[in-house]
Each structure stands twice: as C-alpha cells, then as structure tokens.
N, C-alpha and C. Protein backbone atom coordinates (compact mmCIF):
# COMPACT_ATOMS: atom_id res chain seq x y z
N UNK A 1 9.17 17.68 14.18
CA UNK A 1 7.93 16.95 15.32
C UNK A 1 8.95 15.60 15.59
N UNK A 2 8.57 15.53 17.00
CA UNK A 2 9.08 14.08 17.51
C UNK A 2 8.26 12.93 16.96
N UNK A 3 8.54 11.57 16.97
CA UNK A 3 7.93 10.49 16.61
C UNK A 3 6.41 10.65 17.11
N UNK A 4 6.54 10.54 18.28
CA UNK A 4 5.03 10.46 19.28
C UNK A 4 4.24 11.18 18.37
N UNK A 5 4.34 12.81 18.34
CA UNK A 5 3.46 13.69 17.48
C UNK A 5 3.20 13.13 16.17
N UNK A 6 4.03 12.71 15.50
CA UNK A 6 3.75 12.41 14.00
C UNK A 6 2.69 11.09 14.20
N UNK A 7 3.27 9.86 14.83
CA UNK A 7 2.35 8.85 14.93
C UNK A 7 1.26 9.54 15.33
N UNK A 8 0.80 10.46 16.67
CA UNK A 8 -0.50 10.61 17.18
C UNK A 8 -1.09 11.35 15.75
N UNK A 9 -0.65 12.41 14.96
CA UNK A 9 -1.21 12.83 13.99
C UNK A 9 -1.90 11.79 12.85
N UNK A 10 -0.90 10.84 12.43
CA UNK A 10 -1.52 10.03 11.52
C UNK A 10 -2.65 9.03 12.47
N UNK A 11 -2.55 8.39 13.33
CA UNK A 11 -3.64 7.68 14.18
C UNK A 11 -4.72 8.43 14.08
N UNK A 12 -4.95 9.86 14.33
CA UNK A 12 -6.01 10.73 14.13
C UNK A 12 -6.50 10.53 12.90
N UNK A 13 -5.70 10.88 11.76
CA UNK A 13 -5.82 11.26 10.55
C UNK A 13 -6.96 9.98 10.19
N UNK A 14 -6.22 8.65 10.48
CA UNK A 14 -6.56 7.37 9.82
C UNK A 14 -7.88 6.70 10.27
N UNK A 15 -8.07 7.40 12.20
CA UNK A 15 -9.14 6.90 12.66
C UNK A 15 -10.53 7.74 12.33
N UNK A 16 -10.24 8.86 11.76
CA UNK A 16 -11.36 9.61 11.37
C UNK A 16 -11.75 9.07 10.09
N UNK A 17 -11.21 8.39 9.08
CA UNK A 17 -11.55 7.70 8.02
C UNK A 17 -12.43 6.38 8.31
N UNK A 18 -11.52 5.80 9.37
CA UNK A 18 -11.97 4.28 9.34
C UNK A 18 -12.57 3.89 10.27
N UNK A 19 -12.70 5.04 11.10
CA UNK A 19 -13.71 4.89 12.54
C UNK A 19 -12.60 4.59 13.88
N UNK A 20 -13.28 5.24 14.79
CA UNK A 20 -12.59 5.58 16.27
C UNK A 20 -12.49 3.70 16.79
N UNK A 21 -13.31 2.95 16.49
CA UNK A 21 -13.17 1.62 16.91
C UNK A 21 -11.41 1.04 16.69
N UNK A 22 -10.95 1.66 15.54
CA UNK A 22 -9.50 0.98 15.06
C UNK A 22 -8.57 1.63 16.02
N UNK A 23 -8.90 2.68 16.52
CA UNK A 23 -8.00 3.58 17.12
C UNK A 23 -6.80 2.78 17.58
N UNK A 24 -7.06 1.40 18.65
CA UNK A 24 -5.72 0.74 19.18
C UNK A 24 -4.99 0.26 18.64
N UNK A 25 -6.06 -0.33 17.24
CA UNK A 25 -5.00 -1.35 16.22
C UNK A 25 -4.31 -0.59 15.17
N UNK A 26 -4.45 0.64 15.12
CA UNK A 26 -3.83 1.53 14.34
C UNK A 26 -2.83 1.70 15.07
N UNK A 27 -2.73 2.31 16.02
CA UNK A 27 -1.78 3.10 17.38
C UNK A 27 -0.72 1.94 17.34
N UNK A 28 -1.37 0.43 17.74
CA UNK A 28 -0.39 -0.18 18.36
C UNK A 28 0.48 -0.82 16.97
N UNK A 29 -0.04 -0.54 15.54
CA UNK A 29 0.84 -0.98 14.35
C UNK A 29 1.91 -0.37 14.10
N UNK A 30 2.26 0.77 14.78
CA UNK A 30 3.50 1.69 14.59
C UNK A 30 4.55 1.04 15.73
N UNK A 31 4.14 0.32 16.37
CA UNK A 31 4.83 -0.33 17.48
C UNK A 31 5.26 -1.89 17.22
N UNK A 32 4.90 -2.63 16.41
CA UNK A 32 4.75 -3.87 15.84
C UNK A 32 5.62 -4.13 15.11
N UNK A 33 6.80 -5.11 15.70
CA UNK A 33 7.67 -5.27 14.67
C UNK A 33 7.84 -6.02 13.76
N UNK A 34 6.47 -7.01 13.73
CA UNK A 34 6.50 -7.33 12.25
C UNK A 34 5.98 -6.89 11.35
N UNK A 35 5.08 -5.86 11.84
CA UNK A 35 4.36 -4.69 10.88
C UNK A 35 5.92 -4.11 9.92
N UNK A 36 6.34 -3.62 11.22
CA UNK A 36 7.66 -2.75 10.92
C UNK A 36 8.52 -3.40 9.82
N UNK A 37 8.93 -4.55 10.00
CA UNK A 37 9.85 -5.33 8.88
C UNK A 37 9.24 -5.81 7.93
N UNK A 38 7.86 -5.92 7.56
CA UNK A 38 7.09 -5.95 6.87
C UNK A 38 7.01 -4.82 5.61
N UNK A 39 7.10 -3.73 6.21
CA UNK A 39 6.91 -2.54 5.53
C UNK A 39 8.41 -2.05 5.01
N UNK A 40 9.21 -2.41 5.74
CA UNK A 40 10.68 -1.90 5.28
C UNK A 40 11.01 -3.23 3.98
N UNK A 41 10.57 -4.28 4.16
CA UNK A 41 11.06 -5.21 3.07
C UNK A 41 10.16 -4.65 1.77
N UNK A 42 8.86 -4.44 2.22
CA UNK A 42 8.02 -4.23 0.85
C UNK A 42 8.48 -2.64 0.14
N UNK A 43 8.71 -2.11 1.04
CA UNK A 43 9.20 -0.31 0.31
C UNK A 43 10.55 -1.02 -0.34
N UNK A 44 11.71 -1.73 0.45
CA UNK A 44 12.83 -1.60 -0.48
C UNK A 44 12.91 -2.69 -1.82
N UNK A 45 11.81 -3.74 -1.81
CA UNK A 45 11.39 -4.34 -3.25
C UNK A 45 10.97 -3.50 -4.15
N UNK A 46 10.11 -2.62 -3.76
CA UNK A 46 9.47 -1.53 -4.65
C UNK A 46 10.29 -0.82 -5.04
N UNK A 47 11.60 -0.21 -4.24
CA UNK A 47 12.66 0.65 -4.93
C UNK A 47 13.48 -0.60 -5.78
N UNK A 48 13.42 -1.56 -5.54
CA UNK A 48 14.37 -2.60 -6.59
C UNK A 48 13.55 -2.55 -7.93
N UNK A 49 12.49 -2.67 -7.83
CA UNK A 49 11.19 -2.64 -9.09
C UNK A 49 11.43 -1.39 -9.86
N UNK A 50 11.71 -0.01 -9.25
CA UNK A 50 11.84 0.86 -9.86
C UNK A 50 10.78 1.87 -9.56
N UNK A 51 9.95 1.50 -8.60
CA UNK A 51 8.78 2.00 -8.24
C UNK A 51 9.27 3.67 -7.52
N UNK A 52 8.67 4.54 -7.91
CA UNK A 52 9.24 5.83 -7.36
C UNK A 52 8.02 6.52 -7.22
N UNK A 53 6.73 6.18 -7.17
CA UNK A 53 5.61 6.59 -6.56
C UNK A 53 4.46 6.26 -6.69
N UNK A 54 3.29 6.68 -6.53
CA UNK A 54 1.94 5.89 -6.10
C UNK A 54 1.34 6.29 -7.35
N UNK A 55 0.20 5.43 -7.93
CA UNK A 55 -0.17 4.31 -8.51
C UNK A 55 0.67 3.54 -9.35
N UNK A 56 1.37 2.41 -8.98
CA UNK A 56 2.14 1.71 -9.90
C UNK A 56 1.73 0.25 -9.93
N UNK A 57 1.00 -0.38 -10.94
CA UNK A 57 0.65 -1.48 -10.63
C UNK A 57 1.42 -2.65 -11.44
N UNK A 58 1.75 -3.78 -10.90
CA UNK A 58 2.75 -4.86 -11.22
C UNK A 58 1.53 -6.32 -11.36
N UNK A 59 1.78 -6.85 -12.75
CA UNK A 59 1.31 -8.17 -12.79
C UNK A 59 2.23 -9.49 -12.89
N UNK A 60 2.27 -10.24 -12.24
CA UNK A 60 3.08 -11.36 -12.08
C UNK A 60 4.67 -10.28 -12.19
N UNK A 61 4.94 -9.88 -11.78
CA UNK A 61 6.48 -9.13 -11.39
C UNK A 61 6.87 -8.05 -12.79
N UNK A 62 5.64 -7.79 -13.32
CA UNK A 62 5.89 -7.01 -14.84
C UNK A 62 4.88 -5.37 -14.77
N UNK A 63 5.74 -4.54 -15.02
CA UNK A 63 4.85 -3.01 -14.68
C UNK A 63 3.78 -3.14 -15.67
N UNK A 64 2.61 -2.71 -15.32
CA UNK A 64 1.86 -2.36 -16.41
C UNK A 64 2.07 -1.21 -17.12
N UNK A 65 1.59 -1.26 -18.52
CA UNK A 65 1.87 0.00 -19.33
C UNK A 65 0.81 1.10 -18.84
N UNK A 66 1.28 2.24 -18.76
CA UNK A 66 0.83 3.28 -18.01
C UNK A 66 0.37 3.12 -16.86
N UNK A 67 1.30 3.05 -15.92
CA UNK A 67 1.36 2.39 -14.38
C UNK A 67 1.02 3.44 -13.44
N UNK A 68 0.96 4.82 -14.06
CA UNK A 68 0.72 5.52 -13.22
C UNK A 68 -0.93 6.16 -13.12
N UNK A 69 -1.50 5.71 -14.10
CA UNK A 69 -2.83 5.91 -14.32
C UNK A 69 -4.22 4.99 -13.59
N UNK A 70 -5.05 5.42 -13.02
CA UNK A 70 -6.05 4.52 -12.54
C UNK A 70 -6.52 3.77 -13.36
N UNK A 71 -7.03 2.57 -13.15
CA UNK A 71 -7.24 1.25 -14.00
C UNK A 71 -8.69 0.70 -13.42
N UNK A 72 -9.69 0.85 -14.39
CA UNK A 72 -10.76 0.64 -14.07
C UNK A 72 -10.87 -1.06 -14.14
N UNK A 73 -12.61 -1.42 -13.34
CA UNK A 73 -12.64 -3.02 -13.50
C UNK A 73 -12.50 -3.63 -14.76
N UNK A 74 -13.03 -3.09 -15.82
CA UNK A 74 -13.17 -3.75 -17.29
C UNK A 74 -11.53 -3.99 -17.70
N UNK A 75 -10.89 -2.87 -17.12
CA UNK A 75 -9.48 -3.02 -18.03
C UNK A 75 -8.54 -4.10 -17.17
N UNK A 76 -8.96 -4.10 -15.96
CA UNK A 76 -8.31 -5.23 -14.87
C UNK A 76 -8.84 -6.51 -15.48
N UNK A 77 -9.96 -6.67 -15.91
CA UNK A 77 -10.73 -7.69 -16.56
C UNK A 77 -9.70 -8.43 -17.48
N UNK A 78 -9.73 -7.44 -18.56
CA UNK A 78 -8.69 -7.64 -19.86
C UNK A 78 -7.26 -7.94 -19.68
N UNK A 79 -6.60 -7.62 -18.35
CA UNK A 79 -5.53 -7.97 -18.17
C UNK A 79 -5.23 -9.25 -17.93
N UNK A 80 -6.17 -9.27 -16.55
CA UNK A 80 -5.82 -10.55 -15.70
C UNK A 80 -6.95 -12.14 -16.69
N UNK A 81 -7.94 -11.86 -16.96
CA UNK A 81 -8.61 -12.78 -17.44
C UNK A 81 -7.61 -13.77 -18.30
N UNK A 82 -6.84 -13.21 -19.39
CA UNK A 82 -6.40 -14.10 -20.26
C UNK A 82 -4.97 -15.05 -19.58
N UNK A 83 -4.62 -14.39 -18.06
CA UNK A 83 -3.93 -15.07 -17.57
C UNK A 83 -4.31 -16.34 -16.59
N UNK A 84 -5.66 -16.19 -16.84
CA UNK A 84 -6.15 -17.46 -15.63
C UNK A 84 -7.34 -18.31 -16.32
N UNK A 85 -7.19 -18.02 -17.59
CA UNK A 85 -8.42 -18.58 -18.25
C UNK A 85 -7.29 -19.71 -19.11
N UNK A 86 -8.14 -20.63 -19.55
CA UNK A 86 -7.66 -21.85 -20.47
C UNK A 86 -7.64 -21.55 -21.94
C-alpha cells in the first residue's frame, strides 16, 4: 500500500472512534514536522529504555515491576502517593 492509502486508513479508523469533527486535525498530524520529530524522539527514547511493546510504565525513569500488566487506580495511588507526600 502507498503512504497515502495507509494514512487514509488510519485517519478513517481514528475518526470512527473520536468523531468526524477531528478528521482534519488527525489527517494534518501526519504532515506536521513537529509531530513527526516528537514521535521519532519518543520512539528512540523508548527503544533506549528497553521498551519492546505496550503497555510499559515508567515512574521517574524507572520501569515498574510487572510493566506489561494493566494498573488500576488504587495501584497507581500506592505508587505515586509516597513520591509526592511529605
């Protein structure tokens, strides 16, 4: 498939989920150089940290144990609260 066909398929899929009012924003994001650069930098940073799939969660740069498992609200609170409380 060509790049434009792939972009059209992705835009169609995304706008079915988020709504047609976001069509132009989603479509223009594929041609935005700032978005492109931010995506590349984030991808390379993830690779440098050993990310090989999703989800993998980090807190303050450290991988959480069981990084591939979903984390519920209470577990997030038990991880983050000690870091922000005095």
